[in-house]
Amino acid sequence: MNTKEDYQQKVEAELALAQAKLAEFQAHAKVVSADTRISYNKQMSELEQRFDDTKARLKELGEASDGAWEDLKEGVETAWNAWSTSVQHAAAKFKA
């Protein structure tokens, strides 16, 4: 991505897909046993926290000057990678 706007749009699209995945997990958690639901809720809390962190970093990037946004891009990438890893772990756990 060459411009801040292009990058921001890309991450916003990924966040929209991520939000849909969270909704899918939440719907699945409603149809499982109480013990399993407790585990799901704990995992969902972590996912939501990482999702919010990614959104916050993206907001910072959006507010950054054209010269400074590249410096913030790494923070967005780190937050996004943490989110992605958490989703992969949750998906594996939820399927078990």
N, C-alpha and C. Protein backbone atom coordinates (compact mmCIF):
# COMPACT_ATOMS: atom_id res chain seq x y z
N MET A 1 0.84 -1.17 0.00
CA MET A 1 0.00 0.00 0.00
C MET A 1 0.89 1.24 0.00
N ASN A 2 0.56 2.14 -0.87
CA ASN A 2 1.40 3.31 -1.02
C ASN A 2 0.94 4.51 -0.21
N THR A 3 -0.34 4.62 0.01
CA THR A 3 -0.80 5.81 0.73
C THR A 3 -1.48 5.43 2.03
N LYS A 4 -1.53 6.40 2.89
CA LYS A 4 -2.19 6.20 4.18
C LYS A 4 -3.64 5.80 3.98
N GLU A 5 -4.32 6.47 3.07
CA GLU A 5 -5.74 6.19 2.84
C GLU A 5 -5.96 4.76 2.33
N ASP A 6 -5.10 4.33 1.39
CA ASP A 6 -5.21 2.96 0.88
C ASP A 6 -5.03 1.94 1.99
N TYR A 7 -4.01 2.17 2.79
CA TYR A 7 -3.74 1.25 3.89
C TYR A 7 -4.88 1.25 4.90
N GLN A 8 -5.37 2.43 5.23
CA GLN A 8 -6.46 2.54 6.19
C GLN A 8 -7.71 1.82 5.67
N GLN A 9 -8.02 1.97 4.40
CA GLN A 9 -9.18 1.29 3.82
C GLN A 9 -9.01 -0.22 3.85
N LYS A 10 -7.80 -0.69 3.60
CA LYS A 10 -7.51 -2.13 3.63
C LYS A 10 -7.75 -2.68 5.04
N VAL A 11 -7.21 -2.01 6.04
CA VAL A 11 -7.37 -2.48 7.41
C VAL A 11 -8.82 -2.37 7.86
N GLU A 12 -9.51 -1.32 7.46
CA GLU A 12 -10.92 -1.19 7.82
C GLU A 12 -11.75 -2.33 7.23
N ALA A 13 -11.44 -2.74 6.01
CA ALA A 13 -12.14 -3.87 5.39
C ALA A 13 -11.84 -5.16 6.16
N GLU A 14 -10.59 -5.33 6.56
CA GLU A 14 -10.23 -6.51 7.35
C GLU A 14 -10.93 -6.50 8.70
N LEU A 15 -11.06 -5.34 9.30
CA LEU A 15 -11.75 -5.22 10.58
C LEU A 15 -13.24 -5.56 10.44
N ALA A 16 -13.84 -5.18 9.32
CA ALA A 16 -15.24 -5.52 9.09
C ALA A 16 -15.41 -7.04 9.02
N LEU A 17 -14.49 -7.72 8.35
CA LEU A 17 -14.53 -9.19 8.31
C LEU A 17 -14.29 -9.78 9.69
N ALA A 18 -13.39 -9.16 10.44
CA ALA A 18 -13.10 -9.62 11.79
C ALA A 18 -14.32 -9.48 12.68
N GLN A 19 -15.04 -8.39 12.52
CA GLN A 19 -16.23 -8.17 13.32
C GLN A 19 -17.28 -9.24 13.00
N ALA A 20 -17.38 -9.63 11.75
CA ALA A 20 -18.30 -10.71 11.36
C ALA A 20 -17.88 -12.03 12.01
N LYS A 21 -16.59 -12.28 12.10
CA LYS A 21 -16.09 -13.50 12.73
C LYS A 21 -16.43 -13.50 14.21
N LEU A 22 -16.29 -12.36 14.87
CA LEU A 22 -16.67 -12.26 16.28
C LEU A 22 -18.15 -12.58 16.46
N ALA A 23 -18.97 -12.06 15.59
CA ALA A 23 -20.41 -12.33 15.66
C ALA A 23 -20.70 -13.81 15.47
N GLU A 24 -19.96 -14.44 14.59
CA GLU A 24 -20.11 -15.89 14.37
C GLU A 24 -19.76 -16.66 15.64
N PHE A 25 -18.66 -16.30 16.28
CA PHE A 25 -18.26 -16.96 17.52
C PHE A 25 -19.31 -16.73 18.61
N GLN A 26 -19.83 -15.52 18.69
CA GLN A 26 -20.83 -15.21 19.71
C GLN A 26 -22.10 -16.03 19.49
N ALA A 27 -22.51 -16.18 18.25
CA ALA A 27 -23.69 -16.98 17.94
C ALA A 27 -23.46 -18.44 18.30
N HIS A 28 -22.29 -18.94 18.01
CA HIS A 28 -21.96 -20.33 18.32
C HIS A 28 -21.95 -20.56 19.84
N ALA A 29 -21.49 -19.57 20.58
CA ALA A 29 -21.41 -19.71 22.03
C ALA A 29 -22.79 -19.84 22.67
N LYS A 30 -23.80 -19.37 21.99
CA LYS A 30 -25.16 -19.43 22.54
C LYS A 30 -25.75 -20.84 22.50
N VAL A 31 -25.18 -21.73 21.71
CA VAL A 31 -25.77 -23.05 21.54
C VAL A 31 -24.94 -24.17 22.16
N VAL A 32 -23.98 -23.82 23.00
CA VAL A 32 -23.14 -24.83 23.63
C VAL A 32 -23.50 -24.97 25.11
N SER A 33 -22.93 -25.96 25.74
CA SER A 33 -23.21 -26.20 27.16
C SER A 33 -22.69 -25.04 28.02
N ALA A 34 -23.17 -24.97 29.25
CA ALA A 34 -22.79 -23.88 30.15
C ALA A 34 -21.29 -23.87 30.42
N ASP A 35 -20.69 -25.04 30.63
CA ASP A 35 -19.25 -25.10 30.89
C ASP A 35 -18.45 -24.60 29.68
N THR A 36 -18.87 -25.02 28.52
CA THR A 36 -18.19 -24.59 27.30
C THR A 36 -18.40 -23.10 27.08
N ARG A 37 -19.59 -22.61 27.40
CA ARG A 37 -19.90 -21.20 27.22
C ARG A 37 -18.97 -20.33 28.08
N ILE A 38 -18.65 -20.78 29.27
CA ILE A 38 -17.73 -20.03 30.14
C ILE A 38 -16.37 -19.88 29.47
N SER A 39 -15.88 -20.96 28.89
CA SER A 39 -14.61 -20.93 28.18
C SER A 39 -14.70 -20.01 26.96
N TYR A 40 -15.80 -20.10 26.22
CA TYR A 40 -16.00 -19.25 25.05
C TYR A 40 -16.01 -17.78 25.46
N ASN A 41 -16.72 -17.47 26.53
CA ASN A 41 -16.83 -16.08 26.96
C ASN A 41 -15.47 -15.50 27.32
N LYS A 42 -14.63 -16.30 27.96
CA LYS A 42 -13.29 -15.85 28.29
C LYS A 42 -12.50 -15.57 27.01
N GLN A 43 -12.58 -16.48 26.07
CA GLN A 43 -11.88 -16.32 24.80
C GLN A 43 -12.44 -15.12 24.03
N MET A 44 -13.77 -14.95 24.05
CA MET A 44 -14.39 -13.83 23.36
C MET A 44 -13.93 -12.50 23.96
N SER A 45 -13.78 -12.45 25.26
CA SER A 45 -13.31 -11.23 25.91
C SER A 45 -11.93 -10.86 25.40
N GLU A 46 -11.05 -11.84 25.28
CA GLU A 46 -9.70 -11.59 24.76
C GLU A 46 -9.77 -11.12 23.31
N LEU A 47 -10.60 -11.77 22.51
CA LEU A 47 -10.73 -11.38 21.11
C LEU A 47 -11.24 -9.94 20.97
N GLU A 48 -12.24 -9.61 21.76
CA GLU A 48 -12.79 -8.26 21.71
C GLU A 48 -11.76 -7.22 22.12
N GLN A 49 -10.96 -7.55 23.13
CA GLN A 49 -9.92 -6.63 23.58
C GLN A 49 -8.90 -6.40 22.47
N ARG A 50 -8.47 -7.46 21.81
CA ARG A 50 -7.49 -7.33 20.72
C ARG A 50 -8.10 -6.57 19.53
N PHE A 51 -9.38 -6.83 19.27
CA PHE A 51 -10.08 -6.14 18.20
C PHE A 51 -10.12 -4.63 18.49
N ASP A 52 -10.47 -4.28 19.73
CA ASP A 52 -10.53 -2.87 20.12
C ASP A 52 -9.16 -2.21 20.04
N ASP A 53 -8.11 -2.96 20.40
CA ASP A 53 -6.75 -2.43 20.32
C ASP A 53 -6.39 -2.13 18.86
N THR A 54 -6.75 -3.03 17.97
CA THR A 54 -6.47 -2.82 16.55
C THR A 54 -7.22 -1.59 16.04
N LYS A 55 -8.49 -1.46 16.42
CA LYS A 55 -9.27 -0.30 16.00
C LYS A 55 -8.66 1.00 16.53
N ALA A 56 -8.19 0.98 17.77
CA ALA A 56 -7.60 2.18 18.36
C ALA A 56 -6.32 2.57 17.62
N ARG A 57 -5.52 1.59 17.29
CA ARG A 57 -4.28 1.88 16.57
C ARG A 57 -4.58 2.40 15.16
N LEU A 58 -5.61 1.86 14.54
CA LEU A 58 -6.00 2.35 13.22
C LEU A 58 -6.49 3.80 13.32
N LYS A 59 -7.20 4.12 14.38
CA LYS A 59 -7.67 5.49 14.58
C LYS A 59 -6.47 6.44 14.72
N GLU A 60 -5.47 6.01 15.50
CA GLU A 60 -4.25 6.82 15.64
C GLU A 60 -3.60 7.05 14.29
N LEU A 61 -3.55 6.00 13.49
CA LEU A 61 -2.94 6.10 12.17
C LEU A 61 -3.73 7.09 11.32
N GLY A 62 -5.05 7.02 11.39
CA GLY A 62 -5.88 7.93 10.61
C GLY A 62 -5.70 9.38 11.00
N GLU A 63 -5.39 9.63 12.25
CA GLU A 63 -5.20 10.99 12.73
C GLU A 63 -3.78 11.49 12.54
N ALA A 64 -2.89 10.61 12.14
CA ALA A 64 -1.49 10.99 11.98
C ALA A 64 -1.29 11.80 10.70
N SER A 65 -0.26 12.60 10.71
CA SER A 65 0.08 13.38 9.51
C SER A 65 0.59 12.42 8.44
N ASP A 66 0.59 12.92 7.22
CA ASP A 66 1.05 12.08 6.11
C ASP A 66 2.48 11.62 6.31
N GLY A 67 3.28 12.41 6.98
CA GLY A 67 4.67 12.04 7.19
C GLY A 67 4.87 11.06 8.33
N ALA A 68 3.92 11.00 9.27
CA ALA A 68 4.09 10.17 10.46
C ALA A 68 3.35 8.84 10.40
N TRP A 69 2.45 8.66 9.45
CA TRP A 69 1.63 7.45 9.46
C TRP A 69 2.44 6.18 9.27
N GLU A 70 3.53 6.25 8.53
CA GLU A 70 4.36 5.06 8.32
C GLU A 70 4.90 4.54 9.65
N ASP A 71 5.21 5.45 10.57
CA ASP A 71 5.71 5.04 11.88
C ASP A 71 4.65 4.28 12.67
N LEU A 72 3.39 4.64 12.49
CA LEU A 72 2.29 3.99 13.22
C LEU A 72 1.83 2.71 12.56
N LYS A 73 2.18 2.53 11.32
CA LYS A 73 1.76 1.35 10.56
C LYS A 73 2.22 0.06 11.26
N GLU A 74 3.42 0.05 11.80
CA GLU A 74 3.94 -1.14 12.48
C GLU A 74 3.08 -1.52 13.68
N GLY A 75 2.61 -0.53 14.43
CA GLY A 75 1.75 -0.80 15.57
C GLY A 75 0.43 -1.41 15.14
N VAL A 76 -0.11 -0.93 14.03
CA VAL A 76 -1.35 -1.51 13.50
C VAL A 76 -1.10 -2.96 13.09
N GLU A 77 0.00 -3.19 12.40
CA GLU A 77 0.33 -4.55 11.96
C GLU A 77 0.51 -5.49 13.16
N THR A 78 1.18 -5.03 14.20
CA THR A 78 1.38 -5.85 15.40
C THR A 78 0.05 -6.18 16.05
N ALA A 79 -0.82 -5.19 16.18
CA ALA A 79 -2.13 -5.42 16.78
C ALA A 79 -2.95 -6.38 15.91
N TRP A 80 -2.89 -6.20 14.61
CA TRP A 80 -3.64 -7.06 13.70
C TRP A 80 -3.13 -8.50 13.77
N ASN A 81 -1.83 -8.68 13.83
CA ASN A 81 -1.26 -10.03 13.92
C ASN A 81 -1.67 -10.70 15.23
N ALA A 82 -1.70 -9.95 16.32
CA ALA A 82 -2.14 -10.51 17.60
C ALA A 82 -3.61 -10.93 17.50
N TRP A 83 -4.42 -10.11 16.87
CA TRP A 83 -5.84 -10.43 16.66
C TRP A 83 -5.96 -11.71 15.84
N SER A 84 -5.24 -11.78 14.72
CA SER A 84 -5.33 -12.94 13.83
C SER A 84 -4.93 -14.22 14.54
N THR A 85 -3.87 -14.16 15.32
CA THR A 85 -3.42 -15.33 16.07
C THR A 85 -4.48 -15.76 17.08
N SER A 86 -5.07 -14.80 17.76
CA SER A 86 -6.13 -15.11 18.73
C SER A 86 -7.34 -15.74 18.06
N VAL A 87 -7.69 -15.26 16.90
CA VAL A 87 -8.83 -15.83 16.17
C VAL A 87 -8.53 -17.26 15.76
N GLN A 88 -7.33 -17.52 15.29
CA GLN A 88 -6.96 -18.88 14.91
C GLN A 88 -7.04 -19.83 16.10
N HIS A 89 -6.55 -19.38 17.24
CA HIS A 89 -6.60 -20.21 18.45
C HIS A 89 -8.05 -20.44 18.88
N ALA A 90 -8.83 -19.38 18.83
CA ALA A 90 -10.24 -19.49 19.23
C ALA A 90 -10.99 -20.43 18.28
N ALA A 91 -10.76 -20.28 17.00
CA ALA A 91 -11.45 -21.12 16.03
C ALA A 91 -11.12 -22.58 16.25
N ALA A 92 -9.88 -22.88 16.53
CA ALA A 92 -9.47 -24.26 16.80
C ALA A 92 -10.12 -24.77 18.07
N LYS A 93 -10.17 -23.93 19.08
CA LYS A 93 -10.74 -24.31 20.37
C LYS A 93 -12.26 -24.49 20.25
N PHE A 94 -12.90 -23.60 19.52
CA PHE A 94 -14.36 -23.65 19.39
C PHE A 94 -14.82 -24.86 18.59
N LYS A 95 -13.97 -25.32 17.67
CA LYS A 95 -14.32 -26.49 16.86
C LYS A 95 -14.12 -27.78 17.62
N ALA A 96 -13.32 -27.72 18.68
CA ALA A 96 -13.00 -28.94 19.45
C ALA A 96 -14.20 -29.41 20.23
